[in-house]
Each structure stands twice: as C-alpha cells, then as structure tokens.
Amino acid sequence: MKKLTIADVAREAGVSKSTVSQFLNKRYKYMSDETKARIEQVIKELNYQPNGLARGLKHNRTYMAGVIVGNLEYTLSIQSIRAIENELQQSGIQVIICNADENPDKENRHIDMLLARKVDGLIIFPTGQNAEIYGRLVEEKFPLVFIDRLVEGVNTQSLLLDNEMAVKIGIQELNEHGHTRIALLTLPIGEHRITPRVERVSGYKKGMEEQGLPLRQEYMHSVPREEIFATLDGLFALEEPPTALLAGNDIVLAEMLRFVNARGMSIPDDVSIIGIDDAQFAHIYNPAITTIRQPAADIGRQAARALMSSIEERDSAVPIIYRFVPTLVRGKSVQSL
C-alpha cells in the first residue's frame, strides 16, 4: 500500500502543500476555520500519519524541549511542569524533564545531555551557579526561559512570582488580626542569592515597615531544612516569642507543622502560621493553613508560550521579566489577638 504524503492530503483538501504543512505545524495565523476543518477532516479520512523525523529535518528542528527543575520537591515545580508539558504537547513538542536537586554540576550535565539531543529550547529553574553556561546559550541566541529565579548578568525570558508582594500580603493579614511579633523563616539564601528567598526577606523588611511594625533581627532566619527545629526552639525561648510565623516556602511550612506537632503546640491557639506557596497538604492539615498562592499553572503555561515564541523568532526574541501576582487563600491558622 502506497505511503500517504502531504501532497495526497493537499490534493484531497483542495489546498496547497504549504497550507497542509502550516496546519501540521499548528501555524493557523492566516488560515480560515473552514480550511482548518477541511484539512483535519481529510487527515482523519485518509488516516494520514505525519513523518515526525522528516518534518524535523526539513525545519532543522527535533520538536523536543528540555525542562530542568532546580528541585522537584517544590509545589511550584510540580504544578508548573504539568502545565508546561500540556502546553508544549499541544504544539507537537515533546518534553524531557530533568531534576537538578539544587546541584549545579548535575544541572550542567543535564544541559549538556539535552543540547546533545538537539532540543529546540530549554526551560530552566536555575540553580544560579552556572551563569557562564546560561550566558553562552543567550549569546548563541538559543531559546532559553527561566522560571522562579533570576541570574545576575544573564538576560533572558524570566517568569516568577512577585515575591515581595507575597510576604507583604502575609504580614498585612497577620497585622489585621492583631499580630505584631511576626517571624520569617526561609531556606538559606546561598552564595548565589536564590531569588525568591532574597526577595521574600526583602519583602518582610518592607512589609513590617509599611505596617508600622518593629523590625527585629531575631525574628528573621534563613537556615537549612535540618536546622529549622532548633531555630524554632530558639524563637519560642525568647523573652518575647513571636505570636505568628511566616513560612518562606512549602518545605519550611512542612517543617513548621512537624515542629508544632512534636512540641504539642496548637494552631492557632499557641501560634498563628501562614505559608508562602500553596502546598496541597496545607489545606488537608487540621486546621487548614492560610497560604499565599502563586499561580504555578499560569507560570508554566506562559513559560511554554515564551519558549515557543523564542523558537519561532529565534533572532528577535526580547528578554522580558514577567512577574505574577500572588493571592491570599484563607484557612483557619490565624488567630485574632
């Protein structure tokens, strides 16, 4: 049986081969709905299967993209990846997902592997410690999109939460409930100053000032996960312990809840808690934890679209930083004093 070609589809649909090619590549900009419907119907009737390899060779593309995640434990990572994959697959692009575990050497190896596979572009939640490699990709106009973090000296498409606003929302919510002794815990800022952690500490300082609350250094801590218990013990041993805690991300929130359970404390009677990042476990905890949600799915979709735009317009892509607005999701973890 003769193998069907684009020419066969074009003849049956009464259009040119280039129009069928545009349809297969999901380029509908100048195509009428009637033409799209007709081509789609002919493809179904003929049971035509496009030759992906031939299409890739013709356009000098593999129709594959790489996604390198800084840490798969984060709620943002999981929700964003799902949205990225869905969006890219709708455009016929397959996704290879890698986890760097916050390890720059591992991230470097992933980049080398993905480039060797000739992916059309990369979406990276950067560790921040491979600036030279990122910079080289930008210089070569390789399609590159960052999520969640900025890297000093690297200008590329970047999408992240308005982190300062997120903390300010939490402080305002706590202050409106009568809390003035508010502590912030984040994971370590690190040598390369991980963007969300830096900005959330900055937002805490600005938010306390804007609310007219005293800024106390002993209430601000950026520590490794394994030191969170000891840090909380120290906070509650203070002469004036905090009445409320802000968790810098979902990992810190999980450790705070473990601490509260281990010490036999009650939320919100003994301490009020708000978590930044809308972790699913926060809503099934008893009581439900108030969180600051970042639109992870929207961030993922927009990152995928930014990457596709960079692939299509490789020589004219403009590096833009997109900031997403956080929202307060009220639970029952904040007590009115």
Protein backbone atom coordinates (compact mmCIF):
# COMPACT_ATOMS: atom_id res chain seq x y z
CA MET A 1 0.00 0.00 0.00
CA LYS A 2 1.39 3.40 -1.05
CA LYS A 3 2.51 5.61 1.85
CA LEU A 4 0.43 8.76 2.05
CA THR A 5 2.17 12.13 1.73
CA ILE A 6 1.37 15.78 2.33
CA ALA A 7 0.67 16.05 -1.40
CA ASP A 8 -2.14 13.47 -1.08
CA VAL A 9 -3.72 15.42 1.80
CA ALA A 10 -3.37 18.71 -0.09
CA ARG A 11 -4.99 17.27 -3.23
CA GLU A 12 -7.96 15.81 -1.33
CA ALA A 13 -8.44 19.02 0.71
CA GLY A 14 -8.06 21.28 -2.34
CA VAL A 15 -5.24 23.33 -0.78
CA SER A 16 -1.51 23.74 -1.32
CA LYS A 17 1.14 21.53 0.29
CA SER A 18 2.45 24.56 2.21
CA THR A 19 -1.02 25.11 3.73
CA VAL A 20 -1.11 21.49 4.93
CA SER A 21 2.41 21.94 6.32
CA GLN A 22 1.30 25.04 8.21
CA PHE A 23 -1.65 23.10 9.61
CA LEU A 24 0.59 20.24 10.79
CA ASN A 25 2.92 22.75 12.46
CA LYS A 26 -0.07 24.45 14.13
CA ARG A 27 0.52 27.76 12.36
CA TYR A 28 -3.03 28.95 11.91
CA LYS A 29 -2.42 32.70 11.81
CA TYR A 30 -3.56 33.22 8.21
CA MET A 31 -5.79 30.14 7.91
CA SER A 32 -9.57 30.26 7.94
CA ASP A 33 -11.58 28.00 10.25
CA GLU A 34 -13.14 26.39 7.15
CA THR A 35 -9.73 25.47 5.73
CA LYS A 36 -8.56 24.07 9.08
CA ALA A 37 -11.70 21.96 9.41
CA ARG A 38 -11.35 20.64 5.84
CA ILE A 39 -7.71 19.61 6.29
CA GLU A 40 -8.47 18.00 9.64
CA GLN A 41 -11.33 16.01 8.10
CA VAL A 42 -9.18 14.78 5.19
CA ILE A 43 -6.39 13.71 7.57
CA LYS A 44 -8.92 11.67 9.55
CA GLU A 45 -10.48 10.12 6.45
CA LEU A 46 -7.11 9.14 4.99
CA ASN A 47 -5.70 8.17 8.39
CA TYR A 48 -2.63 10.21 7.48
CA GLN A 49 0.29 9.97 9.95
CA PRO A 50 2.86 12.80 9.60
CA ASN A 51 6.50 11.74 9.44
CA GLY A 52 7.94 13.46 12.51
CA LEU A 53 11.55 12.78 11.56
CA ALA A 54 11.11 14.21 8.06
CA ARG A 55 9.33 17.26 9.46
CA GLY A 56 12.17 17.83 11.94
CA LEU A 57 14.84 17.52 9.26
CA LYS A 58 13.04 19.90 6.92
CA HIS A 59 12.69 22.59 9.58
CA ASN A 60 16.02 21.82 11.28
CA ARG A 61 14.17 21.01 14.48
CA THR A 62 13.65 18.00 16.73
CA TYR A 63 10.32 19.17 18.19
CA MET A 64 11.70 18.39 21.66
CA ALA A 65 12.26 20.75 24.58
CA GLY A 66 14.16 20.27 27.82
CA VAL A 67 12.92 21.28 31.27
CA ILE A 68 15.48 21.33 34.10
CA VAL A 69 13.99 21.71 37.57
CA GLY A 70 16.02 23.04 40.49
CA ASN A 71 14.15 20.83 42.96
CA LEU A 72 11.18 18.57 42.23
CA GLU A 73 10.05 18.78 45.88
CA TYR A 74 8.61 22.27 45.43
CA THR A 75 4.90 22.69 44.77
CA LEU A 76 5.72 25.27 42.11
CA SER A 77 7.89 22.77 40.22
CA ILE A 78 5.28 20.01 40.11
CA GLN A 79 2.37 22.23 39.08
CA SER A 80 4.39 24.22 36.55
CA ILE A 81 5.82 21.14 34.83
CA ARG A 82 2.36 19.73 34.23
CA ALA A 83 1.25 22.98 32.59
CA ILE A 84 4.47 23.25 30.54
CA GLU A 85 4.13 19.72 29.22
CA ASN A 86 0.44 20.15 28.32
CA GLU A 87 1.07 23.43 26.50
CA LEU A 88 4.08 22.19 24.52
CA GLN A 89 2.49 18.88 23.58
CA GLN A 90 -0.49 20.73 22.12
CA SER A 91 2.02 22.28 19.72
CA GLY A 92 3.60 18.94 18.87
CA ILE A 93 6.65 19.41 21.09
CA GLN A 94 7.73 16.55 23.36
CA VAL A 95 9.29 17.33 26.74
CA ILE A 96 12.31 15.84 28.50
CA ILE A 97 12.22 16.61 32.25
CA CYS A 98 15.35 16.60 34.44
CA ASN A 99 15.79 17.26 38.17
CA ALA A 100 18.97 19.08 39.26
CA ASP A 101 18.43 18.61 43.04
CA GLU A 102 19.87 22.14 43.51
CA ASN A 103 23.19 20.70 42.31
CA PRO A 104 24.94 22.90 39.70
CA ASP A 105 27.11 20.02 38.43
CA LYS A 106 24.04 17.89 37.87
CA GLU A 107 22.33 20.83 36.16
CA ASN A 108 25.38 21.27 33.91
CA ARG A 109 25.29 17.59 32.91
CA HIS A 110 21.58 17.86 32.12
CA ILE A 111 22.21 20.90 29.89
CA ASP A 112 24.99 19.04 28.02
CA MET A 113 22.78 15.98 27.54
CA LEU A 114 19.80 17.99 26.28
CA LEU A 115 21.94 20.01 23.87
CA ALA A 116 23.45 16.76 22.58
CA ARG A 117 19.90 15.59 21.87
CA LYS A 118 19.44 18.83 19.92
CA VAL A 119 16.38 20.04 21.82
CA ASP A 120 14.80 23.14 20.29
CA GLY A 121 14.93 25.08 23.57
CA LEU A 122 15.28 24.92 27.35
CA ILE A 123 13.11 25.94 30.30
CA ILE A 124 15.24 26.05 33.46
CA PHE A 125 14.51 26.59 37.14
CA PRO A 126 18.16 27.64 37.55
CA THR A 127 20.44 26.73 40.44
CA GLY A 128 22.08 30.08 39.68
CA GLN A 129 25.59 28.67 39.73
CA ASN A 130 26.09 28.11 36.00
CA ALA A 131 25.94 31.71 34.86
CA GLU A 132 28.71 31.21 32.30
CA ILE A 133 26.80 28.37 30.62
CA TYR A 134 23.50 30.28 30.66
CA GLY A 135 25.27 33.32 29.24
CA ARG A 136 26.77 31.31 26.40
CA LEU A 137 23.32 29.99 25.45
CA VAL A 138 21.97 33.56 25.40
CA GLU A 139 24.90 34.77 23.27
CA GLU A 140 24.19 31.99 20.76
CA LYS A 141 20.52 33.04 20.74
CA PHE A 142 19.49 29.59 21.91
CA PRO A 143 15.84 29.63 23.11
CA LEU A 144 16.06 29.82 26.91
CA VAL A 145 13.43 30.59 29.56
CA PHE A 146 13.97 30.86 33.33
CA ILE A 147 11.27 30.11 35.91
CA ASP A 148 11.22 31.22 39.58
CA ARG A 149 14.75 32.66 39.66
CA LEU A 150 16.83 35.37 38.04
CA VAL A 151 20.56 35.01 37.42
CA GLU A 152 22.74 38.09 37.64
CA GLY A 153 24.28 39.01 34.30
CA VAL A 154 22.02 36.68 32.28
CA ASN A 155 19.27 38.46 30.32
CA THR A 156 16.67 36.02 29.08
CA GLN A 157 12.91 35.47 29.33
CA SER A 158 12.17 35.01 33.04
CA LEU A 159 8.90 34.26 34.84
CA LEU A 160 8.45 34.43 38.60
CA LEU A 161 6.18 35.46 41.45
CA ASP A 162 6.13 38.97 42.85
CA ASN A 163 7.85 37.62 45.96
CA GLU A 164 7.93 40.88 47.90
CA MET A 165 4.19 41.31 47.43
CA ALA A 166 3.59 37.75 48.66
CA VAL A 167 5.27 38.42 52.01
CA LYS A 168 3.61 41.82 52.37
CA ILE A 169 0.19 40.19 51.91
CA GLY A 170 1.02 37.75 54.73
CA ILE A 171 2.22 40.48 57.07
CA GLN A 172 -0.86 42.61 56.38
CA GLU A 173 -3.16 39.66 57.09
CA LEU A 174 -1.41 38.94 60.40
CA ASN A 175 -1.32 42.60 61.43
CA GLU A 176 -5.04 42.94 60.75
CA HIS A 177 -5.54 40.08 63.23
CA GLY A 178 -3.51 41.93 65.86
CA HIS A 179 -0.10 40.27 65.41
CA THR A 180 2.96 42.49 65.74
CA ARG A 181 5.57 39.85 66.64
CA ILE A 182 5.91 38.07 63.31
CA ALA A 183 8.86 35.80 62.44
CA LEU A 184 10.01 34.79 58.93
CA LEU A 185 11.85 31.54 58.17
CA THR A 186 13.31 30.73 54.76
CA LEU A 187 15.81 28.23 53.43
CA PRO A 188 19.38 29.57 53.01
CA ILE A 189 19.78 32.46 50.56
CA GLY A 190 23.02 30.88 49.35
CA GLU A 191 26.19 32.17 47.76
CA HIS A 192 24.39 32.95 44.51
CA ARG A 193 21.44 34.58 46.27
CA ILE A 194 18.42 32.48 45.28
CA THR A 195 15.86 34.99 44.01
CA PRO A 196 12.66 34.02 45.89
CA ARG A 197 14.49 33.79 49.23
CA VAL A 198 16.28 37.13 48.76
CA GLU A 199 13.09 38.88 47.68
CA ARG A 200 10.96 37.36 50.43
CA VAL A 201 13.39 38.56 53.10
CA SER A 202 13.37 41.99 51.44
CA GLY A 203 9.56 41.92 51.30
CA TYR A 204 9.43 41.05 55.01
CA LYS A 205 11.51 44.09 55.92
CA LYS A 206 9.48 46.41 53.71
CA GLY A 207 6.17 44.89 54.81
CA MET A 208 6.92 45.29 58.51
CA GLU A 209 7.92 48.90 57.91
CA GLU A 210 4.83 49.64 55.82
CA GLN A 211 2.59 48.19 58.55
CA GLY A 212 4.38 50.26 61.19
CA LEU A 213 5.67 47.17 62.99
CA PRO A 214 9.06 46.86 64.73
CA LEU A 215 11.71 45.03 62.71
CA ARG A 216 13.58 42.58 64.97
CA GLN A 217 16.60 40.72 63.63
CA GLU A 218 15.97 37.80 65.98
CA TYR A 219 12.72 37.13 64.10
CA MET A 220 14.43 36.68 60.69
CA HIS A 221 16.15 33.37 59.88
CA SER A 222 17.40 31.72 56.67
CA VAL A 223 18.55 28.23 57.64
CA PRO A 224 18.87 24.72 56.15
CA ARG A 225 15.92 22.38 56.49
CA GLU A 226 17.64 20.31 59.19
CA GLU A 227 18.12 23.41 61.38
CA ILE A 228 14.51 24.61 61.34
CA PHE A 229 13.53 22.71 64.52
CA ALA A 230 16.42 24.23 66.50
CA THR A 231 15.67 27.69 65.10
CA LEU A 232 12.02 27.44 66.16
CA ASP A 233 13.03 26.23 69.62
CA GLY A 234 15.22 29.33 69.87
CA LEU A 235 12.41 31.63 68.76
CA PHE A 236 9.96 30.28 71.32
CA ALA A 237 12.60 30.52 74.07
CA LEU A 238 12.86 34.29 73.56
CA GLU A 239 11.56 36.58 76.28
CA GLU A 240 9.09 37.88 73.67
CA PRO A 241 8.48 34.95 71.32
CA PRO A 242 6.67 35.52 68.02
CA THR A 243 2.92 35.07 68.00
CA ALA A 244 2.93 34.34 64.26
CA LEU A 245 5.21 32.57 61.76
CA LEU A 246 5.64 33.14 58.03
CA ALA A 247 6.98 30.10 56.16
CA GLY A 248 9.20 31.12 53.24
CA ASN A 249 8.09 28.15 51.12
CA ASP A 250 6.28 24.81 51.29
CA ILE A 251 9.32 22.91 52.61
CA VAL A 252 9.69 25.34 55.52
CA LEU A 253 5.93 25.13 56.18
CA ALA A 254 6.10 21.32 56.37
CA GLU A 255 8.91 21.55 58.95
CA MET A 256 6.96 24.14 60.96
CA LEU A 257 3.94 21.84 61.14
CA ARG A 258 6.14 18.90 62.17
CA PHE A 259 7.64 21.10 64.90
CA VAL A 260 4.23 22.19 66.20
CA ASN A 261 3.10 18.55 66.40
CA ALA A 262 6.34 17.43 68.05
CA ARG A 263 6.14 20.15 70.72
CA GLY A 264 2.46 19.56 71.44
CA MET A 265 1.51 23.08 70.33
CA SER A 266 -1.84 24.10 68.92
CA ILE A 267 -2.55 26.18 65.78
CA PRO A 268 -3.73 28.92 66.02
CA ASP A 269 -4.07 28.99 69.83
CA ASP A 270 -0.33 28.82 70.53
CA VAL A 271 0.96 30.25 67.26
CA SER A 272 -0.51 31.53 64.00
CA ILE A 273 1.03 30.36 60.72
CA ILE A 274 0.92 31.49 57.09
CA GLY A 275 2.74 29.63 54.32
CA ILE A 276 4.02 31.10 51.06
CA ASP A 277 3.38 28.68 48.16
CA ASP A 278 0.04 26.96 48.08
CA ALA A 279 1.08 23.45 49.15
CA GLN A 280 -1.72 20.90 48.86
CA PHE A 281 -1.00 19.47 52.32
CA ALA A 282 -1.72 22.90 53.85
CA HIS A 283 -5.41 22.51 53.02
CA ILE A 284 -5.82 19.00 54.40
CA TYR A 285 -4.00 19.83 57.65
CA ASN A 286 -6.26 20.41 60.65
CA PRO A 287 -6.79 23.33 60.90
CA ALA A 288 -6.37 24.34 57.25
CA ILE A 289 -3.35 26.62 56.87
CA THR A 290 -3.66 30.11 55.40
CA THR A 291 -1.36 30.34 52.36
CA ILE A 292 -0.17 32.79 49.75
CA ARG A 293 -0.78 31.17 46.38
CA GLN A 294 1.38 31.68 43.34
CA PRO A 295 -0.30 30.82 40.01
CA ALA A 296 2.01 27.91 39.20
CA ALA A 297 -0.04 26.59 36.28
CA ASP A 298 -0.22 30.05 34.68
CA ILE A 299 3.54 30.46 35.14
CA GLY A 300 4.11 27.10 33.43
CA ARG A 301 1.79 27.88 30.52
CA GLN A 302 3.34 31.30 29.95
CA ALA A 303 6.84 29.82 30.14
CA ALA A 304 5.94 27.28 27.45
CA ARG A 305 4.49 30.02 25.25
CA ALA A 306 7.56 32.20 25.79
CA LEU A 307 9.77 29.28 24.76
CA MET A 308 7.72 28.58 21.62
CA SER A 309 7.87 32.27 20.71
CA SER A 310 11.67 32.24 21.18
CA ILE A 311 11.95 29.14 18.96
CA GLU A 312 9.82 30.69 16.21
CA GLU A 313 11.52 34.09 16.41
CA ARG A 314 14.98 32.99 17.44
CA ASP A 315 16.79 36.10 16.20
CA SER A 316 14.32 38.67 17.50
CA ALA A 317 13.24 37.39 20.95
CA VAL A 318 13.35 40.16 23.58
CA PRO A 319 14.36 39.23 27.16
CA ILE A 320 11.44 40.17 29.43
CA ILE A 321 10.85 39.54 33.15
CA TYR A 322 7.24 38.56 33.88
CA ARG A 323 6.00 38.97 37.48
CA PHE A 324 2.89 37.11 38.63
CA VAL A 325 0.54 38.38 41.33
CA PRO A 326 0.11 36.24 44.49
CA THR A 327 -3.26 35.71 46.17
CA LEU A 328 -4.24 35.06 49.78
CA VAL A 329 -6.03 31.75 50.47
CA ARG A 330 -7.51 31.97 53.97
CA GLY A 331 -7.57 28.90 56.17
CA LYS A 332 -8.04 28.73 59.93
CA SER A 333 -4.46 29.08 61.10
CA VAL A 334 -4.52 32.76 62.05
CA GLN A 335 -5.91 33.79 65.41
CA SER A 336 -7.26 37.25 66.20
CA LEU A 337 -5.46 38.60 69.24
